[in-house]
Amino acid sequence: MPDSTRSTALVLVLSVALVASAAFVGVGFGQQAEDDADDTELSTQNTSYLRVAHAAPGATSVDVYVDNETVAEGVAFDTFSDYIALESGNHTITVTVVDRPDEVVFNETVDFEPRSVTTVTAAITANESEGGVVPVAYDDSAATPADDEAALRIAHLSPNAPAVDIVAVESGEDNATEETATETEANETATEEEEATDEAATGETVLAENVSYTEATEYANVPAGDYTVEVRVAAEDNDGSVVASTDLTLESGVAHTAWALGNVPEDGEEMPPTFRVVTTQDASRTIDFPGAENETEGTDTETESEEEETTEEETTEEEETTEEETTDEETTTDEEATETEAAT
């Protein structure tokens, strides 16, 4: 590949995640390769997965290469790929202007550890006068949340946005009570129970504070459901002005990232079309205990065997009891017959 150039400002998110259930190798952007999946299954002990996204407002589409092999073509702003399987070890990630392989935007060798979960970004430098891009690495691991919870992380990739607080506002629909207060009740002082219900219906959860450009929050487990996530200018009480907000549904047992992309409006400006919050479902890891199922099955088998043995023992005892009773009856009959003969 030719030398790097600063002609294109790009934030490229390269999200590498371990997917225990995945067994495919991505061969095209936005399309999961399912053909021959059974033949290309790789050991999760030595596999990482790569996801590619274009997060630079105003930048041209790009092509992406891994070890000089094309993995994505014509990647446009705010578009995310599926996961691409990679063996652990060193891989060279190269990004070029679409259809212009000589115009290299990003070229970096990344070491993917076995079972690693890593995010590498080529981010616009914070100082616009410097131009160009810089690589930024993230720890992208997420543990699979409980069945009634979801994991949520926010990534700050808006170049002109200030440090922000991230607040999740729970939707009131799921928490609303079925009863409607009468006009009389509305004029009365609310009871502690009513106040608690109102607080639950409009409660806020501060997910992160004072997050700067290129930073990402840790995953936070929250109850699954509908939320409004607000990005606010960082303030002491987390009550700064709202830079942007988005409604999202957090699914049970799923990890999500809300990506703040594009430029925020300057004072007095309308929201520019480039700013948006894109939510993705992320790969997550579940800890499995090998043999646990077999042990359970073994326990069941042992239980069944014990039950069978018990049944056999009970049957034998019943048979022995019946035989003894029969013998006693026969003995009694013989004795009675002998006594009758003697009397005669």
C-alpha atoms as a PDB file:
ATOM      1  CA  MET A   1       0.000   0.000   0.000  1.00  0.00           C
ATOM      2  CA  PRO A   2       1.275   3.554  -0.688  1.00  0.00           C
ATOM      3  CA  ASP A   3       2.160   6.080   2.009  1.00  0.00           C
ATOM      4  CA  SER A   4      -0.549   7.470   4.260  1.00  0.00           C
ATOM      5  CA  THR A   5      -2.283  10.714   3.414  1.00  0.00           C
ATOM      6  CA  ARG A   6      -4.209  13.238   5.481  1.00  0.00           C
ATOM      7  CA  SER A   7      -6.591  14.095   2.695  1.00  0.00           C
ATOM      8  CA  THR A   8      -9.506  12.316   4.315  1.00  0.00           C
ATOM      9  CA  ALA A   9     -10.786  12.806   7.861  1.00  0.00           C
ATOM     10  CA  LEU A  10     -12.123   9.512   9.102  1.00  0.00           C
ATOM     11  CA  VAL A  11     -13.193   7.879  12.288  1.00  0.00           C
ATOM     12  CA  LEU A  12     -13.138   4.161  11.683  1.00  0.00           C
ATOM     13  CA  VAL A  13     -14.437   1.872  14.350  1.00  0.00           C
ATOM     14  CA  LEU A  14     -12.892  -1.578  14.246  1.00  0.00           C
ATOM     15  CA  SER A  15     -14.752  -3.550  16.844  1.00  0.00           C
ATOM     16  CA  VAL A  16     -13.239  -6.932  17.601  1.00  0.00           C
ATOM     17  CA  ALA A  17     -15.395  -9.184  19.738  1.00  0.00           C
ATOM     18  CA  LEU A  18     -15.534 -12.782  20.792  1.00  0.00           C
ATOM     19  CA  VAL A  19     -18.764 -14.508  19.771  1.00  0.00           C
ATOM     20  CA  ALA A  20     -19.086 -17.935  21.314  1.00  0.00           C
ATOM     21  CA  SER A  21     -21.902 -18.949  18.983  1.00  0.00           C
ATOM     22  CA  ALA A  22     -20.551 -17.408  15.770  1.00  0.00           C
ATOM     23  CA  ALA A  23     -19.045 -19.641  13.107  1.00  0.00           C
ATOM     24  CA  PHE A  24     -18.584 -17.563   9.998  1.00  0.00           C
ATOM     25  CA  VAL A  25     -16.012 -15.483   8.151  1.00  0.00           C
ATOM     26  CA  GLY A  26     -17.212 -12.156   6.769  1.00  0.00           C
ATOM     27  CA  VAL A  27     -16.528 -11.716   3.078  1.00  0.00           C
ATOM     28  CA  GLY A  28     -18.415  -8.523   2.341  1.00  0.00           C
ATOM     29  CA  PHE A  29     -19.560  -5.406   4.120  1.00  0.00           C
ATOM     30  CA  GLY A  30     -23.017  -5.580   5.661  1.00  0.00           C
ATOM     31  CA  GLN A  31     -23.451  -9.232   4.709  1.00  0.00           C
ATOM     32  CA  GLN A  32     -22.830 -12.232   6.917  1.00  0.00           C
ATOM     33  CA  ALA A  33     -21.117 -15.087   5.125  1.00  0.00           C
ATOM     34  CA  GLU A  34     -23.180 -18.158   5.844  1.00  0.00           C
ATOM     35  CA  ASP A  35     -21.975 -20.343   2.976  1.00  0.00           C
ATOM     36  CA  ASP A  36     -19.880 -23.260   4.141  1.00  0.00           C
ATOM     37  CA  ALA A  37     -20.271 -22.077   7.725  1.00  0.00           C
ATOM     38  CA  ASP A  38     -19.974 -25.608   9.034  1.00  0.00           C
ATOM     39  CA  ASP A  39     -16.662 -26.072   7.199  1.00  0.00           C
ATOM     40  CA  THR A  40     -15.141 -22.778   8.380  1.00  0.00           C
ATOM     41  CA  GLU A  41     -15.981 -22.954  12.070  1.00  0.00           C
ATOM     42  CA  LEU A  42     -12.993 -21.791  14.095  1.00  0.00           C
ATOM     43  CA  SER A  43     -12.109 -22.560  17.662  1.00  0.00           C
ATOM     44  CA  THR A  44     -13.309 -19.764  19.930  1.00  0.00           C
ATOM     45  CA  GLN A  45     -10.158 -20.277  21.972  1.00  0.00           C
ATOM     46  CA  ASN A  46      -8.066 -18.818  19.132  1.00  0.00           C
ATOM     47  CA  THR A  47     -10.491 -16.526  17.314  1.00  0.00           C
ATOM     48  CA  SER A  48     -11.361 -12.842  17.345  1.00  0.00           C
ATOM     49  CA  TYR A  49     -14.079 -11.063  15.385  1.00  0.00           C
ATOM     50  CA  LEU A  50     -13.822  -7.780  13.510  1.00  0.00           C
ATOM     51  CA  ARG A  51     -16.626  -5.289  12.902  1.00  0.00           C
ATOM     52  CA  VAL A  52     -16.098  -2.210  10.758  1.00  0.00           C
ATOM     53  CA  ALA A  53     -17.917   1.129  10.821  1.00  0.00           C
ATOM     54  CA  HIS A  54     -17.510   4.530   9.177  1.00  0.00           C
ATOM     55  CA  ALA A  55     -18.040   7.279  11.737  1.00  0.00           C
ATOM     56  CA  ALA A  56     -16.648  10.399  10.062  1.00  0.00           C
ATOM     57  CA  PRO A  57     -19.147  13.067   8.968  1.00  0.00           C
ATOM     58  CA  GLY A  58     -18.489  14.480   5.535  1.00  0.00           C
ATOM     59  CA  ALA A  59     -15.794  11.952   4.688  1.00  0.00           C
ATOM     60  CA  THR A  60     -15.951   9.920   1.524  1.00  0.00           C
ATOM     61  CA  SER A  61     -16.754   6.231   1.555  1.00  0.00           C
ATOM     62  CA  VAL A  62     -13.830   3.909   2.167  1.00  0.00           C
ATOM     63  CA  ASP A  63     -12.512   0.437   1.450  1.00  0.00           C
ATOM     64  CA  VAL A  64     -11.109  -1.736   4.226  1.00  0.00           C
ATOM     65  CA  TYR A  65      -8.384  -4.374   4.023  1.00  0.00           C
ATOM     66  CA  VAL A  66      -7.067  -6.924   6.493  1.00  0.00           C
ATOM     67  CA  ASP A  67      -3.603  -8.206   5.583  1.00  0.00           C
ATOM     68  CA  ASN A  68      -4.121  -6.793   2.071  1.00  0.00           C
ATOM     69  CA  GLU A  69      -7.337  -8.772   1.638  1.00  0.00           C
ATOM     70  CA  THR A  70     -10.497  -6.753   0.960  1.00  0.00           C
ATOM     71  CA  VAL A  71     -13.077  -7.202   3.717  1.00  0.00           C
ATOM     72  CA  ALA A  72     -15.315  -4.177   3.061  1.00  0.00           C
ATOM     73  CA  GLU A  73     -15.931  -1.952   0.059  1.00  0.00           C
ATOM     74  CA  GLY A  74     -17.676   1.392  -0.271  1.00  0.00           C
ATOM     75  CA  VAL A  75     -18.271   1.811   3.454  1.00  0.00           C
ATOM     76  CA  ALA A  76     -20.381   4.941   3.974  1.00  0.00           C
ATOM     77  CA  PHE A  77     -20.815   7.159   7.027  1.00  0.00           C
ATOM     78  CA  ASP A  78     -22.654   5.600  10.011  1.00  0.00           C
ATOM     79  CA  THR A  79     -22.794   2.108   8.460  1.00  0.00           C
ATOM     80  CA  PHE A  80     -21.735  -0.929  10.511  1.00  0.00           C
ATOM     81  CA  SER A  81     -20.652  -4.307   9.209  1.00  0.00           C
ATOM     82  CA  ASP A  82     -21.304  -7.757  10.590  1.00  0.00           C
ATOM     83  CA  TYR A  83     -18.544  -9.498  12.505  1.00  0.00           C
ATOM     84  CA  ILE A  84     -15.626 -10.950  10.554  1.00  0.00           C
ATOM     85  CA  ALA A  85     -13.706 -13.902  11.995  1.00  0.00           C
ATOM     86  CA  LEU A  86      -9.947 -13.546  12.437  1.00  0.00           C
ATOM     87  CA  GLU A  87      -7.349 -15.803  13.960  1.00  0.00           C
ATOM     88  CA  SER A  88      -5.555 -14.299  16.925  1.00  0.00           C
ATOM     89  CA  GLY A  89      -2.180 -12.662  16.310  1.00  0.00           C
ATOM     90  CA  ASN A  90      -0.924  -9.657  14.364  1.00  0.00           C
ATOM     91  CA  HIS A  91      -3.047  -8.300  11.518  1.00  0.00           C
ATOM     92  CA  THR A  92      -2.558  -5.190   9.417  1.00  0.00           C
ATOM     93  CA  ILE A  93      -5.683  -3.070   9.068  1.00  0.00           C
ATOM     94  CA  THR A  94      -5.682  -0.676   6.118  1.00  0.00           C
ATOM     95  CA  VAL A  95      -8.323   1.869   5.143  1.00  0.00           C
ATOM     96  CA  THR A  96      -8.278   3.697   1.816  1.00  0.00           C
ATOM     97  CA  VAL A  97     -10.495   6.126  -0.034  1.00  0.00           C
ATOM     98  CA  VAL A  98     -13.068   4.126  -1.990  1.00  0.00           C
ATOM     99  CA  ASP A  99     -11.675   2.912  -5.329  1.00  0.00           C
ATOM    100  CA  ARG A 100      -8.397   4.735  -4.604  1.00  0.00           C
ATOM    101  CA  PRO A 101      -6.030   2.201  -3.043  1.00  0.00           C
ATOM    102  CA  ASP A 102      -3.157   4.704  -3.208  1.00  0.00           C
ATOM    103  CA  GLU A 103      -4.925   7.144  -0.844  1.00  0.00           C
ATOM    104  CA  VAL A 104      -4.367   5.451   2.504  1.00  0.00           C
ATOM    105  CA  VAL A 105      -6.288   6.914   5.402  1.00  0.00           C
ATOM    106  CA  PHE A 106      -5.255   4.429   8.058  1.00  0.00           C
ATOM    107  CA  ASN A 107      -2.651   1.674   8.196  1.00  0.00           C
ATOM    108  CA  GLU A 108      -1.971  -0.028  11.510  1.00  0.00           C
ATOM    109  CA  THR A 109      -0.774  -3.420  12.724  1.00  0.00           C
ATOM    110  CA  VAL A 110      -2.934  -4.685  15.556  1.00  0.00           C
ATOM    111  CA  ASP A 111      -2.190  -7.627  17.843  1.00  0.00           C
ATOM    112  CA  PHE A 112      -5.343  -9.607  18.537  1.00  0.00           C
ATOM    113  CA  GLU A 113      -4.902 -11.765  21.623  1.00  0.00           C
ATOM    114  CA  PRO A 114      -6.680 -15.136  21.826  1.00  0.00           C
ATOM    115  CA  ARG A 115     -10.234 -14.583  23.039  1.00  0.00           C
ATOM    116  CA  SER A 116      -9.558 -10.840  23.033  1.00  0.00           C
ATOM    117  CA  VAL A 117     -12.279  -8.222  22.789  1.00  0.00           C
ATOM    118  CA  THR A 118     -10.776  -5.034  21.383  1.00  0.00           C
ATOM    119  CA  THR A 119     -11.845  -1.893  19.551  1.00  0.00           C
ATOM    120  CA  VAL A 120      -9.340   0.025  17.425  1.00  0.00           C
ATOM    121  CA  THR A 121     -10.337   3.357  15.922  1.00  0.00           C
ATOM    122  CA  ALA A 122      -8.733   5.718  13.496  1.00  0.00           C
ATOM    123  CA  ALA A 123     -10.091   8.948  14.972  1.00  0.00           C
ATOM    124  CA  ILE A 124      -9.937  12.510  13.784  1.00  0.00           C
ATOM    125  CA  THR A 125      -7.367  14.364  15.846  1.00  0.00           C
ATOM    126  CA  ALA A 126      -8.940  16.531  18.533  1.00  0.00           C
ATOM    127  CA  ASN A 127      -7.034  19.557  17.223  1.00  0.00           C
ATOM    128  CA  GLU A 128      -8.524  20.306  13.806  1.00  0.00           C
ATOM    129  CA  SER A 129      -5.464  22.362  12.826  1.00  0.00           C
ATOM    130  CA  GLU A 130      -3.317  19.230  13.001  1.00  0.00           C
ATOM    131  CA  GLY A 131      -5.485  17.309  10.584  1.00  0.00           C
ATOM    132  CA  GLY A 132      -5.078  13.600   9.958  1.00  0.00           C
ATOM    133  CA  VAL A 133      -6.146  10.669  12.071  1.00  0.00           C
ATOM    134  CA  VAL A 134      -4.824   8.828  15.108  1.00  0.00           C
ATOM    135  CA  PRO A 135      -5.419   5.231  16.208  1.00  0.00           C
ATOM    136  CA  VAL A 136      -7.322   4.741  19.477  1.00  0.00           C
ATOM    137  CA  ALA A 137      -7.822   1.365  21.190  1.00  0.00           C
ATOM    138  CA  TYR A 138     -10.789   0.305  23.333  1.00  0.00           C
ATOM    139  CA  ASP A 139     -11.459  -2.639  25.601  1.00  0.00           C
ATOM    140  CA  ASP A 140     -14.680  -3.837  24.032  1.00  0.00           C
ATOM    141  CA  SER A 141     -15.549  -6.800  26.257  1.00  0.00           C
ATOM    142  CA  ALA A 142     -19.069  -7.276  27.556  1.00  0.00           C
ATOM    143  CA  ALA A 143     -20.399 -10.048  29.730  1.00  0.00           C
ATOM    144  CA  THR A 144     -23.782 -11.348  28.673  1.00  0.00           C
ATOM    145  CA  PRO A 145     -26.325  -9.682  30.982  1.00  0.00           C
ATOM    146  CA  ALA A 146     -29.036 -11.516  32.886  1.00  0.00           C
ATOM    147  CA  ASP A 147     -32.283 -12.450  31.155  1.00  0.00           C
ATOM    148  CA  ASP A 148     -34.122  -9.428  32.556  1.00  0.00           C
ATOM    149  CA  GLU A 149     -31.267  -6.967  31.988  1.00  0.00           C
ATOM    150  CA  ALA A 150     -29.406  -5.328  29.108  1.00  0.00           C
ATOM    151  CA  ALA A 151     -25.864  -3.955  28.923  1.00  0.00           C
ATOM    152  CA  LEU A 152     -25.403  -0.438  27.534  1.00  0.00           C
ATOM    153  CA  ARG A 153     -22.266   1.495  26.593  1.00  0.00           C
ATOM    154  CA  ILE A 154     -21.864   4.912  24.968  1.00  0.00           C
ATOM    155  CA  ALA A 155     -18.987   5.885  22.661  1.00  0.00           C
ATOM    156  CA  HIS A 156     -18.214   9.597  22.210  1.00  0.00           C
ATOM    157  CA  LEU A 157     -17.150  10.037  18.580  1.00  0.00           C
ATOM    158  CA  SER A 158     -18.492  13.514  17.913  1.00  0.00           C
ATOM    159  CA  PRO A 159     -15.406  15.630  17.115  1.00  0.00           C
ATOM    160  CA  ASN A 160     -16.805  19.032  18.091  1.00  0.00           C
ATOM    161  CA  ALA A 161     -18.860  17.969  21.117  1.00  0.00           C
ATOM    162  CA  PRO A 162     -17.685  18.958  24.617  1.00  0.00           C
ATOM    163  CA  ALA A 163     -17.227  16.563  27.510  1.00  0.00           C
ATOM    164  CA  VAL A 164     -20.631  15.080  28.262  1.00  0.00           C
ATOM    165  CA  ASP A 165     -22.706  13.239  30.834  1.00  0.00           C
ATOM    166  CA  ILE A 166     -24.725  10.249  29.661  1.00  0.00           C
ATOM    167  CA  VAL A 167     -28.150   9.804  31.263  1.00  0.00           C
ATOM    168  CA  ALA A 168     -30.683   7.049  30.576  1.00  0.00           C
ATOM    169  CA  VAL A 169     -34.281   8.100  31.146  1.00  0.00           C
ATOM    170  CA  GLU A 170     -36.573   5.113  31.603  1.00  0.00           C
ATOM    171  CA  SER A 171     -39.767   5.232  29.574  1.00  0.00           C
ATOM    172  CA  GLY A 172     -42.839   5.944  31.679  1.00  0.00           C
ATOM    173  CA  GLU A 173     -45.088   3.602  29.665  1.00  0.00           C
ATOM    174  CA  ASP A 174     -43.764   0.415  31.210  1.00  0.00           C
ATOM    175  CA  ASN A 175     -43.936   1.810  34.736  1.00  0.00           C
ATOM    176  CA  ALA A 176     -47.249   3.624  34.567  1.00  0.00           C
ATOM    177  CA  THR A 177     -49.962   2.405  36.956  1.00  0.00           C
ATOM    178  CA  GLU A 178     -53.256   1.188  35.527  1.00  0.00           C
ATOM    179  CA  GLU A 179     -55.336   3.346  37.841  1.00  0.00           C
ATOM    180  CA  THR A 180     -55.926   6.992  36.965  1.00  0.00           C
ATOM    181  CA  ALA A 181     -56.053   9.478  39.799  1.00  0.00           C
ATOM    182  CA  THR A 182     -59.301  11.382  40.236  1.00  0.00           C
ATOM    183  CA  GLU A 183     -59.376  15.190  40.317  1.00  0.00           C
ATOM    184  CA  THR A 184     -59.799  15.039  44.079  1.00  0.00           C
ATOM    185  CA  GLU A 185     -56.781  12.744  44.461  1.00  0.00           C
ATOM    186  CA  ALA A 186     -54.779  15.000  42.181  1.00  0.00           C
ATOM    187  CA  ASN A 187     -55.353  17.917  44.558  1.00  0.00           C
ATOM    188  CA  GLU A 188     -54.396  15.921  47.624  1.00  0.00           C
ATOM    189  CA  THR A 189     -50.896  15.466  48.924  1.00  0.00           C
ATOM    190  CA  ALA A 190     -49.314  12.397  47.323  1.00  0.00           C
ATOM    191  CA  THR A 191     -48.591   9.480  49.576  1.00  0.00           C
ATOM    192  CA  GLU A 192     -45.099   8.045  49.872  1.00  0.00           C
ATOM    193  CA  GLU A 193     -46.137   5.130  47.668  1.00  0.00           C
ATOM    194  CA  GLU A 194     -47.404   7.472  44.939  1.00  0.00           C
ATOM    195  CA  GLU A 195     -44.202   9.513  45.120  1.00  0.00           C
ATOM    196  CA  ALA A 196     -42.139   6.350  44.759  1.00  0.00           C
ATOM    197  CA  THR A 197     -44.229   5.315  41.741  1.00  0.00           C
ATOM    198  CA  ASP A 198     -43.794   8.727  40.118  1.00  0.00           C
ATOM    199  CA  GLU A 199     -40.049   8.631  40.745  1.00  0.00           C
ATOM    200  CA  ALA A 200     -39.811   5.156  39.205  1.00  0.00           C
ATOM    201  CA  ALA A 201     -41.794   6.280  36.166  1.00  0.00           C
ATOM    202  CA  THR A 202     -39.540   9.288  35.512  1.00  0.00           C
ATOM    203  CA  GLY A 203     -36.313   7.997  37.071  1.00  0.00           C
ATOM    204  CA  GLU A 204     -32.947   8.690  35.511  1.00  0.00           C
ATOM    205  CA  THR A 205     -29.815   6.588  35.549  1.00  0.00           C
ATOM    206  CA  VAL A 206     -26.475   8.335  35.120  1.00  0.00           C
ATOM    207  CA  LEU A 207     -24.431   5.958  32.994  1.00  0.00           C
ATOM    208  CA  ALA A 208     -21.265   8.053  32.809  1.00  0.00           C
ATOM    209  CA  GLU A 209     -19.933  11.462  33.732  1.00  0.00           C
ATOM    210  CA  ASN A 210     -17.561  13.855  31.983  1.00  0.00           C
ATOM    211  CA  VAL A 211     -16.914  11.658  28.939  1.00  0.00           C
ATOM    212  CA  SER A 212     -14.519  13.292  26.482  1.00  0.00           C
ATOM    213  CA  TYR A 213     -14.062  12.822  22.749  1.00  0.00           C
ATOM    214  CA  THR A 214     -12.905   9.307  21.733  1.00  0.00           C
ATOM    215  CA  GLU A 215     -13.754   7.901  25.178  1.00  0.00           C
ATOM    216  CA  ALA A 216     -16.219   5.071  25.691  1.00  0.00           C
ATOM    217  CA  THR A 217     -18.040   4.239  28.892  1.00  0.00           C
ATOM    218  CA  GLU A 218     -17.962   0.876  30.594  1.00  0.00           C
ATOM    219  CA  TYR A 219     -20.943  -1.357  29.947  1.00  0.00           C
ATOM    220  CA  ALA A 220     -23.663  -0.721  32.523  1.00  0.00           C
ATOM    221  CA  ASN A 221     -26.379  -3.263  33.247  1.00  0.00           C
ATOM    222  CA  VAL A 222     -29.852  -1.757  33.349  1.00  0.00           C
ATOM    223  CA  PRO A 223     -33.347  -3.271  33.303  1.00  0.00           C
ATOM    224  CA  ALA A 224     -34.344  -4.216  29.773  1.00  0.00           C
ATOM    225  CA  GLY A 225     -36.989  -2.014  28.173  1.00  0.00           C
ATOM    226  CA  ASP A 226     -37.554   1.314  26.430  1.00  0.00           C
ATOM    227  CA  TYR A 227     -35.311   4.274  27.225  1.00  0.00           C
ATOM    228  CA  THR A 228     -34.484   7.760  26.158  1.00  0.00           C
ATOM    229  CA  VAL A 229     -30.723   8.247  26.348  1.00  0.00           C
ATOM    230  CA  GLU A 230     -29.669  11.872  26.695  1.00  0.00           C
ATOM    231  CA  VAL A 231     -26.210  13.257  25.964  1.00  0.00           C
ATOM    232  CA  ARG A 232     -25.787  16.341  28.159  1.00  0.00           C
ATOM    233  CA  VAL A 233     -23.031  18.904  28.512  1.00  0.00           C
ATOM    234  CA  ALA A 234     -21.031  17.768  31.537  1.00  0.00           C
ATOM    235  CA  ALA A 235     -22.221  19.473  34.727  1.00  0.00           C
ATOM    236  CA  GLU A 236     -21.768  18.945  38.457  1.00  0.00           C
ATOM    237  CA  ASP A 237     -25.340  17.731  38.945  1.00  0.00           C
ATOM    238  CA  ASN A 238     -25.586  16.008  35.540  1.00  0.00           C
ATOM    239  CA  ASP A 239     -28.215  18.561  34.548  1.00  0.00           C
ATOM    240  CA  GLY A 240     -26.396  20.276  31.687  1.00  0.00           C
ATOM    241  CA  SER A 241     -28.081  21.207  28.444  1.00  0.00           C
ATOM    242  CA  VAL A 242     -29.069  18.280  26.242  1.00  0.00           C
ATOM    243  CA  VAL A 243     -26.743  17.945  23.265  1.00  0.00           C
ATOM    244  CA  ALA A 244     -28.713  15.089  21.757  1.00  0.00           C
ATOM    245  CA  SER A 245     -31.127  12.338  22.711  1.00  0.00           C
ATOM    246  CA  THR A 246     -32.331   9.116  21.206  1.00  0.00           C
ATOM    247  CA  ASP A 247     -35.023   6.554  21.964  1.00  0.00           C
ATOM    248  CA  LEU A 248     -33.948   2.967  22.040  1.00  0.00           C
ATOM    249  CA  THR A 249     -35.164  -0.432  23.089  1.00  0.00           C
ATOM    250  CA  LEU A 250     -32.723  -2.489  25.135  1.00  0.00           C
ATOM    251  CA  GLU A 251     -33.353  -6.189  24.651  1.00  0.00           C
ATOM    252  CA  SER A 252     -33.052  -8.702  27.456  1.00  0.00           C
ATOM    253  CA  GLY A 253     -29.728 -10.489  27.664  1.00  0.00           C
ATOM    254  CA  VAL A 254     -28.124  -8.306  24.962  1.00  0.00           C
ATOM    255  CA  ALA A 255     -25.176  -5.871  25.031  1.00  0.00           C
ATOM    256  CA  HIS A 256     -25.603  -2.569  23.168  1.00  0.00           C
ATOM    257  CA  THR A 257     -23.455   0.435  22.236  1.00  0.00           C
ATOM    258  CA  ALA A 258     -24.899   3.851  21.433  1.00  0.00           C
ATOM    259  CA  TRP A 259     -22.456   5.603  19.100  1.00  0.00           C
ATOM    260  CA  ALA A 260     -22.599   9.415  19.089  1.00  0.00           C
ATOM    261  CA  LEU A 261     -21.477  10.298  15.557  1.00  0.00           C
ATOM    262  CA  GLY A 262     -21.093  13.518  13.597  1.00  0.00           C
ATOM    263  CA  ASN A 263     -20.871  17.150  14.648  1.00  0.00           C
ATOM    264  CA  VAL A 264     -23.206  18.715  17.196  1.00  0.00           C
ATOM    265  CA  PRO A 265     -24.856  22.058  16.319  1.00  0.00           C
ATOM    266  CA  GLU A 266     -23.095  25.252  17.302  1.00  0.00           C
ATOM    267  CA  ASP A 267     -24.971  27.895  19.323  1.00  0.00           C
ATOM    268  CA  GLY A 268     -28.098  28.944  17.458  1.00  0.00           C
ATOM    269  CA  GLU A 269     -27.700  26.272  14.796  1.00  0.00           C
ATOM    270  CA  GLU A 270     -30.259  23.642  13.943  1.00  0.00           C
ATOM    271  CA  MET A 271     -29.232  20.034  14.450  1.00  0.00           C
ATOM    272  CA  PRO A 272     -26.980  19.234  11.479  1.00  0.00           C
ATOM    273  CA  PRO A 273     -27.957  16.192   9.452  1.00  0.00           C
ATOM    274  CA  THR A 274     -24.597  14.557  10.172  1.00  0.00           C
ATOM    275  CA  PHE A 275     -25.154  14.200  13.935  1.00  0.00           C
ATOM    276  CA  ARG A 276     -26.901  11.051  15.070  1.00  0.00           C
ATOM    277  CA  VAL A 277     -26.840   8.322  17.665  1.00  0.00           C
ATOM    278  CA  VAL A 278     -26.506   4.865  16.143  1.00  0.00           C
ATOM    279  CA  THR A 279     -27.228   1.873  18.362  1.00  0.00           C
ATOM    280  CA  THR A 280     -25.693  -1.517  17.704  1.00  0.00           C
ATOM    281  CA  GLN A 281     -26.078  -4.925  19.277  1.00  0.00           C
ATOM    282  CA  ASP A 282     -22.656  -6.063  20.411  1.00  0.00           C
ATOM    283  CA  ALA A 283     -21.135  -9.474  20.850  1.00  0.00           C
ATOM    284  CA  SER A 284     -20.897 -10.671  24.435  1.00  0.00           C
ATOM    285  CA  ARG A 285     -19.324 -13.517  26.324  1.00  0.00           C
ATOM    286  CA  THR A 286     -21.054 -16.171  28.381  1.00  0.00           C
ATOM    287  CA  ILE A 287     -19.138 -18.342  30.823  1.00  0.00           C
ATOM    288  CA  ASP A 288     -19.904 -21.999  30.247  1.00  0.00           C
ATOM    289  CA  PHE A 289     -18.929 -24.810  32.567  1.00  0.00           C
ATOM    290  CA  PRO A 290     -17.934 -27.867  30.502  1.00  0.00           C
ATOM    291  CA  GLY A 291     -19.482 -31.076  31.742  1.00  0.00           C
ATOM    292  CA  ALA A 292     -22.180 -29.348  33.746  1.00  0.00           C
ATOM    293  CA  GLU A 293     -24.908 -30.708  31.480  1.00  0.00           C
ATOM    294  CA  ASN A 294     -23.398 -34.190  31.508  1.00  0.00           C
ATOM    295  CA  GLU A 295     -23.135 -34.095  35.275  1.00  0.00           C
ATOM    296  CA  THR A 296     -26.784 -33.169  35.453  1.00  0.00           C
ATOM    297  CA  GLU A 297     -27.672 -35.946  33.078  1.00  0.00           C
ATOM    298  CA  GLY A 298     -25.532 -38.326  35.133  1.00  0.00           C
ATOM    299  CA  THR A 299     -27.347 -37.262  38.259  1.00  0.00           C
ATOM    300  CA  ASP A 300     -30.669 -37.918  36.587  1.00  0.00           C
ATOM    301  CA  THR A 301     -29.453 -41.331  35.448  1.00  0.00           C
ATOM    302  CA  GLU A 302     -28.231 -42.156  38.919  1.00  0.00           C
ATOM    303  CA  THR A 303     -31.566 -41.083  40.345  1.00  0.00           C
ATOM    304  CA  GLU A 304     -33.414 -43.262  37.883  1.00  0.00           C
ATOM    305  CA  SER A 305     -31.151 -46.202  38.738  1.00  0.00           C
ATOM    306  CA  GLU A 306     -31.732 -45.679  42.436  1.00  0.00           C
ATOM    307  CA  GLU A 307     -35.473 -45.573  41.832  1.00  0.00           C
ATOM    308  CA  GLU A 308     -35.291 -48.777  39.787  1.00  0.00           C
ATOM    309  CA  GLU A 309     -33.250 -50.495  42.515  1.00  0.00           C
ATOM    310  CA  THR A 310     -35.732 -49.333  45.141  1.00  0.00           C
ATOM    311  CA  THR A 311     -38.636 -50.641  43.047  1.00  0.00           C
ATOM    312  CA  GLU A 312     -36.889 -53.983  42.573  1.00  0.00           C
ATOM    313  CA  GLU A 313     -36.170 -54.222  46.295  1.00  0.00           C
ATOM    314  CA  GLU A 314     -39.778 -53.398  47.138  1.00  0.00           C
ATOM    315  CA  THR A 315     -41.003 -55.973  44.614  1.00  0.00           C
ATOM    316  CA  THR A 316     -38.678 -58.627  46.055  1.00  0.00           C
ATOM    317  CA  GLU A 317     -39.802 -57.840  49.579  1.00  0.00           C
ATOM    318  CA  GLU A 318     -43.445 -58.074  48.509  1.00  0.00           C
ATOM    319  CA  GLU A 319     -42.804 -61.410  46.789  1.00  0.00           C
ATOM    320  CA  GLU A 320     -40.979 -62.733  49.858  1.00  0.00           C
ATOM    321  CA  THR A 321     -43.825 -61.557  52.084  1.00  0.00           C
ATOM    322  CA  THR A 322     -46.384 -63.243  49.814  1.00  0.00           C
ATOM    323  CA  GLU A 323     -44.393 -66.494  49.813  1.00  0.00           C
ATOM    324  CA  GLU A 324     -44.093 -66.411  53.607  1.00  0.00           C
ATOM    325  CA  GLU A 325     -47.819 -65.773  53.963  1.00  0.00           C
ATOM    326  CA  THR A 326     -48.589 -68.628  51.554  1.00  0.00           C
ATOM    327  CA  THR A 327     -46.265 -70.977  53.462  1.00  0.00           C
ATOM    328  CA  ASP A 328     -47.869 -70.013  56.758  1.00  0.00           C
ATOM    329  CA  GLU A 329     -51.315 -70.653  55.310  1.00  0.00           C
ATOM    330  CA  GLU A 330     -50.250 -74.063  53.957  1.00  0.00           C
ATOM    331  CA  THR A 331     -48.687 -74.978  57.311  1.00  0.00           C
ATOM    332  CA  THR A 332     -51.850 -73.966  59.140  1.00  0.00           C
ATOM    333  CA  THR A 333     -53.984 -76.024  56.748  1.00  0.00           C
ATOM    334  CA  ASP A 334     -51.773 -79.124  57.226  1.00  0.00           C
ATOM    335  CA  GLU A 335     -51.927 -78.778  61.002  1.00  0.00           C
ATOM    336  CA  GLU A 336     -55.702 -78.466  60.927  1.00  0.00           C
ATOM    337  CA  ALA A 337     -55.969 -81.550  58.709  1.00  0.00           C
ATOM    338  CA  THR A 338     -53.741 -83.542  61.098  1.00  0.00           C
ATOM    339  CA  GLU A 339     -55.801 -82.517  64.094  1.00  0.00           C
ATOM    340  CA  THR A 340     -59.008 -83.589  62.295  1.00  0.00           C
ATOM    341  CA  GLU A 341     -57.578 -87.015  61.468  1.00  0.00           C
ATOM    342  CA  ALA A 342     -56.410 -87.452  65.066  1.00  0.00           C
ATOM    343  CA  ALA A 343     -59.827 -86.566  66.379  1.00  0.00           C
ATOM    344  CA  THR A 344     -61.392 -89.095  64.076  1.00  0.00           C
END
